[in-house]
Amino acid sequence: MAHERSKSFSGIPRFTGMGLPRAGGPHNNTGSGSKGLGKGKGQGLGGGFLKRHRKVVRDNIQGVTKNDIRRLARRGGVKRISAQIYEETRIVLKLRLEQILREVCAIVEYSGRKTVSVRDIVFVLHRLGTPIYGFDPAFLKGGTERQKRP
């Protein structure tokens, strides 16, 4: 046959991965959290190994700074702000965001999507009783054109 090597060939065959650990061998890293190529969606190269300095995410609500809260209060017409307001505002904001995002996640999962759209947020806010001004009901139904007023 054309693809067989001669019996006198004593070299290492190419493309067999002799230097690489094989599946099932003693160096198999599948249990340590590594991901091979083609497993998962979009994970790709790198990132499958243990991270030495992984940032632990805690209290993201602290990212809403004192100045951010002060700016929102100024827009609402507040002149002076008590020192206890900042932490209380963060707590209320976190509860409200959790409520909205819980509803949005339910809608997105039910529709079989993975991306949250503006329409989802507007729909949930309208459903919770606090609609955003500027979004008419035609926007929620999927109408892209504005209706002309007589």
C-alpha atoms as a PDB file:
ATOM      1  CA  MET A   1       0.000   0.000   0.000  1.00  0.00           C
ATOM      2  CA  ALA A   2       1.054   3.564  -0.551  1.00  0.00           C
ATOM      3  CA  HIS A   3       0.615   4.728   3.059  1.00  0.00           C
ATOM      4  CA  GLU A   4       2.579   2.019   4.828  1.00  0.00           C
ATOM      5  CA  ARG A   5       6.121   2.722   5.978  1.00  0.00           C
ATOM      6  CA  SER A   6       8.975   0.421   5.297  1.00  0.00           C
ATOM      7  CA  LYS A   7       9.918  -2.021   8.036  1.00  0.00           C
ATOM      8  CA  SER A   8      13.350  -0.448   8.324  1.00  0.00           C
ATOM      9  CA  PHE A   9      11.884   2.926   9.400  1.00  0.00           C
ATOM     10  CA  SER A  10      12.974   3.487  12.989  1.00  0.00           C
ATOM     11  CA  GLY A  11      12.150   7.163  13.445  1.00  0.00           C
ATOM     12  CA  ILE A  12       9.358   8.596  15.557  1.00  0.00           C
ATOM     13  CA  PRO A  13       6.225   9.026  13.482  1.00  0.00           C
ATOM     14  CA  ARG A  14       5.054  12.606  13.183  1.00  0.00           C
ATOM     15  CA  PHE A  15       1.668  13.873  14.416  1.00  0.00           C
ATOM     16  CA  THR A  16       1.182  11.232  17.083  1.00  0.00           C
ATOM     17  CA  GLY A  17       1.715  13.602  19.962  1.00  0.00           C
ATOM     18  CA  MET A  18       4.454  11.576  21.637  1.00  0.00           C
ATOM     19  CA  GLY A  19       5.463  14.493  23.835  1.00  0.00           C
ATOM     20  CA  LEU A  20       1.891  15.341  24.827  1.00  0.00           C
ATOM     21  CA  PRO A  21      -0.087  13.511  27.510  1.00  0.00           C
ATOM     22  CA  ARG A  22      -2.795  11.325  26.066  1.00  0.00           C
ATOM     23  CA  ALA A  23      -6.355  10.922  27.275  1.00  0.00           C
ATOM     24  CA  GLY A  24      -6.576   8.314  30.016  1.00  0.00           C
ATOM     25  CA  GLY A  25      -2.862   8.499  30.731  1.00  0.00           C
ATOM     26  CA  PRO A  26      -1.290   9.464  34.046  1.00  0.00           C
ATOM     27  CA  HIS A  27      -1.183  13.149  33.060  1.00  0.00           C
ATOM     28  CA  ASN A  28      -4.859  13.570  32.273  1.00  0.00           C
ATOM     29  CA  ASN A  29      -6.049  16.966  33.553  1.00  0.00           C
ATOM     30  CA  THR A  30      -9.775  16.522  32.985  1.00  0.00           C
ATOM     31  CA  GLY A  31     -10.545  16.381  36.694  1.00  0.00           C
ATOM     32  CA  SER A  32      -8.716  19.590  37.557  1.00  0.00           C
ATOM     33  CA  GLY A  33     -11.110  21.889  35.748  1.00  0.00           C
ATOM     34  CA  SER A  34      -9.242  22.173  32.453  1.00  0.00           C
ATOM     35  CA  LYS A  35     -11.297  22.431  29.301  1.00  0.00           C
ATOM     36  CA  GLY A  36     -10.234  20.875  26.051  1.00  0.00           C
ATOM     37  CA  LEU A  37     -10.799  22.521  22.729  1.00  0.00           C
ATOM     38  CA  GLY A  38     -14.304  22.106  21.405  1.00  0.00           C
ATOM     39  CA  LYS A  39     -15.933  21.608  24.776  1.00  0.00           C
ATOM     40  CA  GLY A  40     -18.379  24.284  25.776  1.00  0.00           C
ATOM     41  CA  LYS A  41     -19.466  27.315  23.864  1.00  0.00           C
ATOM     42  CA  GLY A  42     -16.881  29.925  23.058  1.00  0.00           C
ATOM     43  CA  GLN A  43     -14.452  29.038  25.827  1.00  0.00           C
ATOM     44  CA  GLY A  44     -11.601  28.463  23.401  1.00  0.00           C
ATOM     45  CA  LEU A  45      -7.919  28.638  24.228  1.00  0.00           C
ATOM     46  CA  GLY A  46      -6.580  29.382  27.658  1.00  0.00           C
ATOM     47  CA  GLY A  47      -8.441  29.947  30.860  1.00  0.00           C
ATOM     48  CA  GLY A  48      -9.008  26.282  31.628  1.00  0.00           C
ATOM     49  CA  PHE A  49      -6.386  25.988  34.326  1.00  0.00           C
ATOM     50  CA  LEU A  50      -6.483  26.964  37.954  1.00  0.00           C
ATOM     51  CA  LYS A  51      -6.152  30.676  38.545  1.00  0.00           C
ATOM     52  CA  ARG A  52      -3.608  31.679  41.100  1.00  0.00           C
ATOM     53  CA  HIS A  53      -4.827  35.203  41.743  1.00  0.00           C
ATOM     54  CA  ARG A  54      -8.515  35.089  41.053  1.00  0.00           C
ATOM     55  CA  LYS A  55     -10.428  38.196  42.090  1.00  0.00           C
ATOM     56  CA  VAL A  56     -13.182  37.333  44.544  1.00  0.00           C
ATOM     57  CA  VAL A  57     -16.244  39.398  43.760  1.00  0.00           C
ATOM     58  CA  ARG A  58     -18.031  40.660  46.860  1.00  0.00           C
ATOM     59  CA  ASP A  59     -20.422  43.549  47.405  1.00  0.00           C
ATOM     60  CA  ASN A  60     -20.556  44.963  43.906  1.00  0.00           C
ATOM     61  CA  ILE A  61     -23.109  47.433  45.237  1.00  0.00           C
ATOM     62  CA  GLN A  62     -20.191  49.302  46.824  1.00  0.00           C
ATOM     63  CA  GLY A  63     -19.324  50.290  43.247  1.00  0.00           C
ATOM     64  CA  VAL A  64     -22.170  52.790  43.530  1.00  0.00           C
ATOM     65  CA  THR A  65     -20.111  55.498  45.149  1.00  0.00           C
ATOM     66  CA  LYS A  66     -21.088  58.278  47.492  1.00  0.00           C
ATOM     67  CA  ASN A  67     -20.749  60.783  44.675  1.00  0.00           C
ATOM     68  CA  ASP A  68     -23.036  58.705  42.438  1.00  0.00           C
ATOM     69  CA  ILE A  69     -25.763  58.733  45.089  1.00  0.00           C
ATOM     70  CA  ARG A  70     -25.221  62.442  45.688  1.00  0.00           C
ATOM     71  CA  ARG A  71     -25.556  63.109  41.935  1.00  0.00           C
ATOM     72  CA  LEU A  72     -28.846  61.195  41.757  1.00  0.00           C
ATOM     73  CA  ALA A  73     -30.166  63.080  44.773  1.00  0.00           C
ATOM     74  CA  ARG A  74     -29.239  66.410  43.201  1.00  0.00           C
ATOM     75  CA  ARG A  75     -31.131  65.460  40.055  1.00  0.00           C
ATOM     76  CA  GLY A  76     -34.115  64.687  42.266  1.00  0.00           C
ATOM     77  CA  GLY A  77     -33.915  68.120  43.889  1.00  0.00           C
ATOM     78  CA  VAL A  78     -32.283  67.215  47.227  1.00  0.00           C
ATOM     79  CA  LYS A  79     -30.051  69.906  48.751  1.00  0.00           C
ATOM     80  CA  ARG A  80     -28.563  68.210  51.806  1.00  0.00           C
ATOM     81  CA  ILE A  81     -27.920  64.510  52.393  1.00  0.00           C
ATOM     82  CA  SER A  82     -27.507  62.771  55.748  1.00  0.00           C
ATOM     83  CA  ALA A  83     -24.518  60.457  56.176  1.00  0.00           C
ATOM     84  CA  GLN A  84     -26.728  57.398  56.816  1.00  0.00           C
ATOM     85  CA  ILE A  85     -28.530  57.807  53.491  1.00  0.00           C
ATOM     86  CA  TYR A  86     -25.712  56.391  51.383  1.00  0.00           C
ATOM     87  CA  GLU A  87     -25.761  52.863  52.801  1.00  0.00           C
ATOM     88  CA  GLU A  88     -29.564  52.828  52.946  1.00  0.00           C
ATOM     89  CA  THR A  89     -29.718  53.896  49.299  1.00  0.00           C
ATOM     90  CA  ARG A  90     -27.371  51.068  48.319  1.00  0.00           C
ATOM     91  CA  ILE A  91     -29.581  48.533  50.115  1.00  0.00           C
ATOM     92  CA  VAL A  92     -32.756  49.792  48.432  1.00  0.00           C
ATOM     93  CA  LEU A  93     -31.049  49.940  45.030  1.00  0.00           C
ATOM     94  CA  LYS A  94     -29.806  46.363  45.384  1.00  0.00           C
ATOM     95  CA  LEU A  95     -33.267  45.082  46.314  1.00  0.00           C
ATOM     96  CA  ARG A  96     -34.871  46.874  43.377  1.00  0.00           C
ATOM     97  CA  LEU A  97     -32.271  45.615  40.895  1.00  0.00           C
ATOM     98  CA  GLU A  98     -32.677  42.046  42.169  1.00  0.00           C
ATOM     99  CA  GLN A  99     -36.442  42.309  41.702  1.00  0.00           C
ATOM    100  CA  ILE A 100     -36.128  43.638  38.148  1.00  0.00           C
ATOM    101  CA  LEU A 101     -33.395  41.208  37.118  1.00  0.00           C
ATOM    102  CA  ARG A 102     -35.283  38.210  38.520  1.00  0.00           C
ATOM    103  CA  GLU A 103     -38.236  39.053  36.268  1.00  0.00           C
ATOM    104  CA  VAL A 104     -36.019  39.794  33.260  1.00  0.00           C
ATOM    105  CA  CYS A 105     -34.162  36.484  33.642  1.00  0.00           C
ATOM    106  CA  ALA A 106     -37.463  34.608  33.730  1.00  0.00           C
ATOM    107  CA  ILE A 107     -38.611  36.278  30.503  1.00  0.00           C
ATOM    108  CA  VAL A 108     -35.326  35.712  28.678  1.00  0.00           C
ATOM    109  CA  GLU A 109     -35.089  32.054  29.747  1.00  0.00           C
ATOM    110  CA  TYR A 110     -38.701  31.401  28.772  1.00  0.00           C
ATOM    111  CA  SER A 111     -38.165  32.853  25.312  1.00  0.00           C
ATOM    112  CA  GLY A 112     -35.050  30.714  24.851  1.00  0.00           C
ATOM    113  CA  ARG A 113     -32.604  33.593  24.488  1.00  0.00           C
ATOM    114  CA  LYS A 114     -29.383  34.466  26.252  1.00  0.00           C
ATOM    115  CA  THR A 115     -29.311  38.195  25.568  1.00  0.00           C
ATOM    116  CA  VAL A 116     -31.335  40.752  27.498  1.00  0.00           C
ATOM    117  CA  SER A 117     -32.791  43.449  25.257  1.00  0.00           C
ATOM    118  CA  VAL A 118     -34.127  46.916  26.001  1.00  0.00           C
ATOM    119  CA  ARG A 119     -37.598  45.605  25.218  1.00  0.00           C
ATOM    120  CA  ASP A 120     -37.283  43.082  28.088  1.00  0.00           C
ATOM    121  CA  ILE A 121     -36.376  45.789  30.607  1.00  0.00           C
ATOM    122  CA  VAL A 122     -39.169  48.098  29.439  1.00  0.00           C
ATOM    123  CA  PHE A 123     -41.671  45.240  29.588  1.00  0.00           C
ATOM    124  CA  VAL A 124     -40.680  44.261  33.137  1.00  0.00           C
ATOM    125  CA  LEU A 125     -40.753  47.844  34.405  1.00  0.00           C
ATOM    126  CA  HIS A 126     -44.183  48.338  32.849  1.00  0.00           C
ATOM    127  CA  ARG A 127     -45.333  45.085  34.453  1.00  0.00           C
ATOM    128  CA  LEU A 128     -44.019  46.128  37.874  1.00  0.00           C
ATOM    129  CA  GLY A 129     -45.934  49.394  37.644  1.00  0.00           C
ATOM    130  CA  THR A 130     -43.088  51.842  37.008  1.00  0.00           C
ATOM    131  CA  PRO A 131     -42.938  52.364  33.246  1.00  0.00           C
ATOM    132  CA  ILE A 132     -40.222  54.455  31.644  1.00  0.00           C
ATOM    133  CA  TYR A 133     -41.466  57.545  29.872  1.00  0.00           C
ATOM    134  CA  GLY A 134     -40.813  57.572  26.150  1.00  0.00           C
ATOM    135  CA  PHE A 135     -41.571  53.917  25.449  1.00  0.00           C
ATOM    136  CA  ASP A 136     -45.085  53.519  24.096  1.00  0.00           C
ATOM    137  CA  PRO A 137     -46.976  50.192  24.129  1.00  0.00           C
ATOM    138  CA  ALA A 138     -46.260  49.699  20.404  1.00  0.00           C
ATOM    139  CA  PHE A 139     -42.590  49.290  21.334  1.00  0.00           C
ATOM    140  CA  LEU A 140     -43.439  46.371  23.595  1.00  0.00           C
ATOM    141  CA  LYS A 141     -45.524  44.658  20.922  1.00  0.00           C
ATOM    142  CA  GLY A 142     -42.672  44.772  18.453  1.00  0.00           C
ATOM    143  CA  GLY A 143     -43.731  47.754  16.364  1.00  0.00           C
ATOM    144  CA  THR A 144     -40.732  49.614  15.072  1.00  0.00           C
ATOM    145  CA  GLU A 145     -42.600  52.572  13.630  1.00  0.00           C
ATOM    146  CA  ARG A 146     -44.296  55.206  15.706  1.00  0.00           C
ATOM    147  CA  GLN A 147     -47.982  55.677  15.178  1.00  0.00           C
ATOM    148  CA  LYS A 148     -48.964  58.998  13.667  1.00  0.00           C
ATOM    149  CA  ARG A 149     -51.241  61.161  15.744  1.00  0.00           C
ATOM    150  CA  PRO A 150     -54.282  62.704  14.025  1.00  0.00           C
END
